[in-house]
Amino acid sequence: MAKNKTITMTPLLGIVAWITGVIVSLAVGFALIDGGLAVPYIGVLNVIAGWIVVVSTILSVILAILKK
């Protein structure tokens, strides 16, 4: 009986982990863009890296929705 509960909880945990990853990705990306987070020694590339993170995260969300 416990195995049956584990099987039904697995998709829910996957969705929660995916949403958490998206939120963290966007938080890091926007922090890089705003200057709240910086990688030492790369200067202005922090902003570019932030935009790359944000755009790639948004694209991955769109592609995941279209895949369903």
N, C-alpha and C. Protein backbone atom coordinates (compact mmCIF):
# COMPACT_ATOMS: atom_id res chain seq x y z
N MET A 1 0.82 -1.19 0.00
CA MET A 1 0.00 0.00 0.00
C MET A 1 0.87 1.26 0.00
N ALA A 2 1.98 1.26 0.70
CA ALA A 2 2.86 2.43 0.73
C ALA A 2 3.48 2.68 -0.64
N LYS A 3 3.73 1.61 -1.38
CA LYS A 3 4.31 1.76 -2.71
C LYS A 3 3.35 2.49 -3.65
N ASN A 4 2.08 2.25 -3.51
CA ASN A 4 1.07 2.91 -4.33
C ASN A 4 1.06 4.42 -4.08
N LYS A 5 1.22 4.86 -2.84
CA LYS A 5 1.28 6.29 -2.53
C LYS A 5 2.53 6.91 -3.13
N THR A 6 3.63 6.19 -3.11
CA THR A 6 4.87 6.71 -3.66
C THR A 6 4.73 6.94 -5.16
N ILE A 7 4.09 6.03 -5.84
CA ILE A 7 3.92 6.16 -7.29
C ILE A 7 3.05 7.37 -7.62
N THR A 8 2.02 7.64 -6.82
CA THR A 8 1.14 8.77 -7.13
C THR A 8 1.77 10.10 -6.74
N MET A 9 2.71 10.12 -5.82
CA MET A 9 3.35 11.37 -5.39
C MET A 9 4.51 11.78 -6.30
N THR A 10 5.06 10.87 -7.06
CA THR A 10 6.23 11.15 -7.89
C THR A 10 5.99 12.28 -8.90
N PRO A 11 4.89 12.28 -9.67
CA PRO A 11 4.68 13.40 -10.61
C PRO A 11 4.52 14.74 -9.91
N LEU A 12 3.88 14.75 -8.76
CA LEU A 12 3.70 15.99 -8.01
C LEU A 12 5.04 16.55 -7.56
N LEU A 13 5.91 15.70 -7.06
CA LEU A 13 7.23 16.16 -6.63
C LEU A 13 8.06 16.66 -7.81
N GLY A 14 7.90 16.05 -8.96
CA GLY A 14 8.60 16.51 -10.16
C GLY A 14 8.16 17.90 -10.57
N ILE A 15 6.85 18.15 -10.50
CA ILE A 15 6.33 19.47 -10.85
C ILE A 15 6.81 20.52 -9.86
N VAL A 16 6.78 20.18 -8.58
CA VAL A 16 7.25 21.12 -7.55
C VAL A 16 8.73 21.44 -7.76
N ALA A 17 9.54 20.43 -8.05
CA ALA A 17 10.97 20.65 -8.29
C ALA A 17 11.18 21.52 -9.52
N TRP A 18 10.42 21.28 -10.58
CA TRP A 18 10.55 22.07 -11.81
C TRP A 18 10.18 23.53 -11.56
N ILE A 19 9.07 23.78 -10.88
CA ILE A 19 8.66 25.15 -10.57
C ILE A 19 9.69 25.85 -9.69
N THR A 20 10.24 25.12 -8.72
CA THR A 20 11.28 25.69 -7.87
C THR A 20 12.50 26.08 -8.69
N GLY A 21 12.89 25.24 -9.62
CA GLY A 21 14.03 25.55 -10.48
C GLY A 21 13.79 26.77 -11.33
N VAL A 22 12.58 26.93 -11.85
CA VAL A 22 12.25 28.10 -12.66
C VAL A 22 12.32 29.37 -11.81
N ILE A 23 11.76 29.33 -10.61
CA ILE A 23 11.78 30.50 -9.73
C ILE A 23 13.20 30.88 -9.36
N VAL A 24 14.02 29.90 -9.00
CA VAL A 24 15.41 30.18 -8.63
C VAL A 24 16.18 30.73 -9.83
N SER A 25 15.96 30.16 -11.00
CA SER A 25 16.63 30.64 -12.21
C SER A 25 16.30 32.09 -12.49
N LEU A 26 15.02 32.42 -12.43
CA LEU A 26 14.62 33.81 -12.67
C LEU A 26 15.17 34.75 -11.61
N ALA A 27 15.20 34.30 -10.35
CA ALA A 27 15.74 35.14 -9.28
C ALA A 27 17.23 35.42 -9.51
N VAL A 28 17.97 34.41 -9.88
CA VAL A 28 19.41 34.60 -10.14
C VAL A 28 19.62 35.48 -11.37
N GLY A 29 18.85 35.24 -12.42
CA GLY A 29 18.98 36.04 -13.63
C GLY A 29 18.71 37.51 -13.39
N PHE A 30 17.61 37.81 -12.70
CA PHE A 30 17.28 39.21 -12.43
C PHE A 30 18.26 39.84 -11.44
N ALA A 31 18.79 39.04 -10.52
CA ALA A 31 19.81 39.57 -9.60
C ALA A 31 21.08 39.92 -10.35
N LEU A 32 21.46 39.12 -11.33
CA LEU A 32 22.63 39.45 -12.15
C LEU A 32 22.39 40.72 -12.97
N ILE A 33 21.18 40.88 -13.49
CA ILE A 33 20.86 42.06 -14.30
C ILE A 33 20.87 43.32 -13.43
N ASP A 34 20.27 43.25 -12.25
CA ASP A 34 20.17 44.42 -11.37
C ASP A 34 21.45 44.75 -10.63
N GLY A 35 22.39 43.83 -10.60
CA GLY A 35 23.65 44.07 -9.91
C GLY A 35 23.65 43.59 -8.47
N GLY A 36 22.58 42.96 -8.03
CA GLY A 36 22.52 42.43 -6.68
C GLY A 36 23.38 41.20 -6.49
N LEU A 37 23.70 40.55 -7.59
CA LEU A 37 24.55 39.37 -7.59
C LEU A 37 25.58 39.57 -8.68
N ALA A 38 26.82 39.24 -8.39
CA ALA A 38 27.87 39.44 -9.40
C ALA A 38 28.88 38.31 -9.32
N VAL A 39 29.35 37.90 -10.47
CA VAL A 39 30.43 36.94 -10.55
C VAL A 39 31.72 37.76 -10.63
N PRO A 40 32.65 37.54 -9.71
CA PRO A 40 33.87 38.34 -9.72
C PRO A 40 34.65 38.22 -11.02
N TYR A 41 35.29 39.29 -11.39
CA TYR A 41 36.22 39.35 -12.51
C TYR A 41 35.59 39.34 -13.90
N ILE A 42 34.25 39.37 -14.01
CA ILE A 42 33.71 39.41 -15.36
C ILE A 42 32.98 40.72 -15.66
N GLY A 43 32.85 41.59 -14.70
CA GLY A 43 32.34 42.94 -14.92
C GLY A 43 30.99 43.02 -15.58
N VAL A 44 30.96 43.71 -16.73
CA VAL A 44 29.71 43.98 -17.42
C VAL A 44 29.08 42.70 -17.99
N LEU A 45 29.83 41.63 -18.08
CA LEU A 45 29.28 40.37 -18.57
C LEU A 45 28.25 39.77 -17.61
N ASN A 46 28.23 40.27 -16.37
CA ASN A 46 27.20 39.82 -15.43
C ASN A 46 25.80 40.13 -15.97
N VAL A 47 25.63 41.30 -16.53
CA VAL A 47 24.33 41.69 -17.07
C VAL A 47 23.96 40.79 -18.25
N ILE A 48 24.91 40.54 -19.12
CA ILE A 48 24.67 39.68 -20.28
C ILE A 48 24.34 38.26 -19.81
N ALA A 49 25.08 37.76 -18.84
CA ALA A 49 24.80 36.43 -18.30
C ALA A 49 23.41 36.38 -17.67
N GLY A 50 23.01 37.45 -17.00
CA GLY A 50 21.68 37.52 -16.42
C GLY A 50 20.59 37.44 -17.46
N TRP A 51 20.77 38.17 -18.56
CA TRP A 51 19.78 38.13 -19.64
C TRP A 51 19.74 36.75 -20.29
N ILE A 52 20.88 36.12 -20.43
CA ILE A 52 20.91 34.76 -21.00
C ILE A 52 20.13 33.80 -20.10
N VAL A 53 20.32 33.91 -18.79
CA VAL A 53 19.59 33.04 -17.85
C VAL A 53 18.09 33.29 -17.94
N VAL A 54 17.68 34.56 -17.96
CA VAL A 54 16.25 34.89 -17.99
C VAL A 54 15.61 34.41 -19.29
N VAL A 55 16.23 34.71 -20.41
CA VAL A 55 15.67 34.34 -21.71
C VAL A 55 15.61 32.82 -21.86
N SER A 56 16.66 32.13 -21.48
CA SER A 56 16.65 30.67 -21.61
C SER A 56 15.64 30.02 -20.67
N THR A 57 15.43 30.60 -19.50
CA THR A 57 14.41 30.08 -18.59
C THR A 57 13.01 30.27 -19.16
N ILE A 58 12.75 31.44 -19.71
CA ILE A 58 11.43 31.71 -20.30
C ILE A 58 11.20 30.79 -21.50
N LEU A 59 12.23 30.59 -22.32
CA LEU A 59 12.09 29.68 -23.46
C LEU A 59 11.83 28.25 -23.01
N SER A 60 12.49 27.82 -21.95
CA SER A 60 12.27 26.46 -21.47
C SER A 60 10.87 26.28 -20.92
N VAL A 61 10.33 27.31 -20.28
CA VAL A 61 8.95 27.23 -19.77
C VAL A 61 7.97 27.14 -20.94
N ILE A 62 8.18 27.96 -21.96
CA ILE A 62 7.30 27.93 -23.13
C ILE A 62 7.36 26.57 -23.82
N LEU A 63 8.56 26.05 -24.00
CA LEU A 63 8.71 24.75 -24.65
C LEU A 63 8.10 23.62 -23.82
N ALA A 64 8.21 23.70 -22.50
CA ALA A 64 7.62 22.68 -21.64
C ALA A 64 6.10 22.72 -21.73
N ILE A 65 5.52 23.92 -21.81
CA ILE A 65 4.07 24.04 -21.93
C ILE A 65 3.61 23.52 -23.28
N LEU A 66 4.34 23.84 -24.34
CA LEU A 66 3.96 23.37 -25.67
C LEU A 66 4.10 21.86 -25.82
N LYS A 67 5.03 21.27 -25.07
CA LYS A 67 5.24 19.83 -25.13
C LYS A 67 4.05 19.07 -24.54
N LYS A 68 3.40 19.65 -23.56
CA LYS A 68 2.24 19.00 -22.92
C LYS A 68 1.11 19.04 -23.83
